Protein backbone atom coordinates (compact mmCIF):
# COMPACT_ATOMS: atom_id res chain seq x y z
CA UNK A 1 -0.03 0.02 0.05
CA UNK A 2 1.39 3.27 -0.95
CA UNK A 3 1.37 6.41 1.16
CA UNK A 4 -1.20 8.03 -1.03
CA UNK A 5 -3.54 4.95 -0.69
CA UNK A 6 -3.04 4.89 3.10
CA UNK A 7 -3.86 8.61 3.39
CA UNK A 8 -6.98 8.23 1.36
CA UNK A 9 -8.05 5.19 3.54
CA UNK A 10 -7.35 7.09 6.53
CA UNK A 11 -9.47 9.97 5.38
CA UNK A 12 -12.36 7.77 4.23
CA UNK A 13 -12.26 5.91 7.59
CA UNK A 14 -12.27 9.25 9.66
CA UNK A 15 -15.29 10.43 7.31
CA UNK A 16 -17.02 7.32 8.03
CA UNK A 17 -16.67 7.68 11.80
CA UNK A 18 -17.73 11.24 11.56
CA UNK A 19 -20.85 10.39 9.46
CA UNK A 20 -22.10 7.94 12.24
CA UNK A 21 -21.91 10.52 15.06
CA UNK A 22 -25.26 11.12 16.79
CA UNK A 23 -26.26 13.96 18.90
CA UNK A 24 -25.88 13.41 22.62
CA UNK A 25 -29.05 13.83 24.63
CA UNK A 26 -28.56 15.71 27.86
CA UNK A 27 -30.38 17.83 30.37
CA UNK A 28 -31.23 21.37 29.76
CA UNK A 29 -28.55 23.82 30.68
CA UNK A 30 -30.84 25.84 32.92
CA UNK A 31 -30.76 25.62 36.65
CA UNK A 32 -32.88 22.97 38.36
CA UNK A 33 -35.26 23.26 41.21
CA UNK A 34 -32.98 21.18 43.47
CA UNK A 35 -31.42 22.68 46.62
CA UNK A 36 -28.80 25.24 45.93
CA UNK A 37 -25.11 24.90 46.66
CA UNK A 38 -22.67 22.35 46.17
CA UNK A 39 -23.64 19.05 47.69
CA UNK A 40 -19.94 17.77 47.80
CA UNK A 41 -19.08 20.21 50.66
CA UNK A 42 -20.90 21.13 54.04
CA UNK A 43 -20.83 24.81 53.87
CA UNK A 44 -17.22 25.45 52.75
CA UNK A 45 -18.24 26.97 49.53
CA UNK A 46 -18.41 25.77 46.11
CA UNK A 47 -16.18 22.76 45.31
CA UNK A 48 -13.80 23.03 48.29
CA UNK A 49 -12.96 19.56 49.23
CA UNK A 50 -10.48 18.55 52.05
CA UNK A 51 -7.85 21.05 53.37
CA UNK A 52 -6.23 23.41 50.69
CA UNK A 53 -3.34 24.23 53.04
CA UNK A 54 -2.40 20.47 53.40
CA UNK A 55 -2.46 20.20 49.65
CA UNK A 56 -0.22 23.15 49.21
CA UNK A 57 2.27 21.83 51.87
CA UNK A 58 2.11 18.29 50.26
CA UNK A 59 2.96 19.68 46.88
CA UNK A 60 5.83 21.68 48.28
CA UNK A 61 7.14 18.66 50.19
CA UNK A 62 6.94 16.51 47.07
CA UNK A 63 8.81 19.15 45.13
CA UNK A 64 11.57 19.54 47.74
CA UNK A 65 11.94 15.79 47.98
CA UNK A 66 12.29 15.48 44.25
CA UNK A 67 15.06 18.11 44.33
CA UNK A 68 16.99 16.38 47.07
CA UNK A 69 16.68 13.00 45.48
CA UNK A 70 17.88 14.35 42.16
CA UNK A 71 20.96 16.02 43.91
CA UNK A 72 21.65 12.62 45.70
CA UNK A 73 21.37 10.76 42.39
CA UNK A 74 23.69 13.24 40.61
CA UNK A 75 26.29 13.08 43.35
CA UNK A 76 26.20 9.18 43.41
CA UNK A 77 26.41 8.76 39.68
CA UNK A 78 28.89 11.51 38.73
CA UNK A 79 32.11 10.18 37.12
CA UNK A 80 35.17 10.45 39.45
CA UNK A 81 37.49 13.36 38.73
CA UNK A 82 41.05 12.72 37.98
């Protein structure tokens, strides 16, 4: 199969897939009559789950650990001088 034939086959396959796509049925984008607010959190505000300060400290700790381990690896695997 030549490159041109493969390209044509890929385009035909893509067009066939696009031709069979159906419209997705979903709820209306308007607000519902359900209770207001975010049901995932109890009064913390919209979408706040867990403790954000702990998440920040964890990310900083992981970053510092990566730096330390990288420096140790570089020191241990460096060729000897001389």
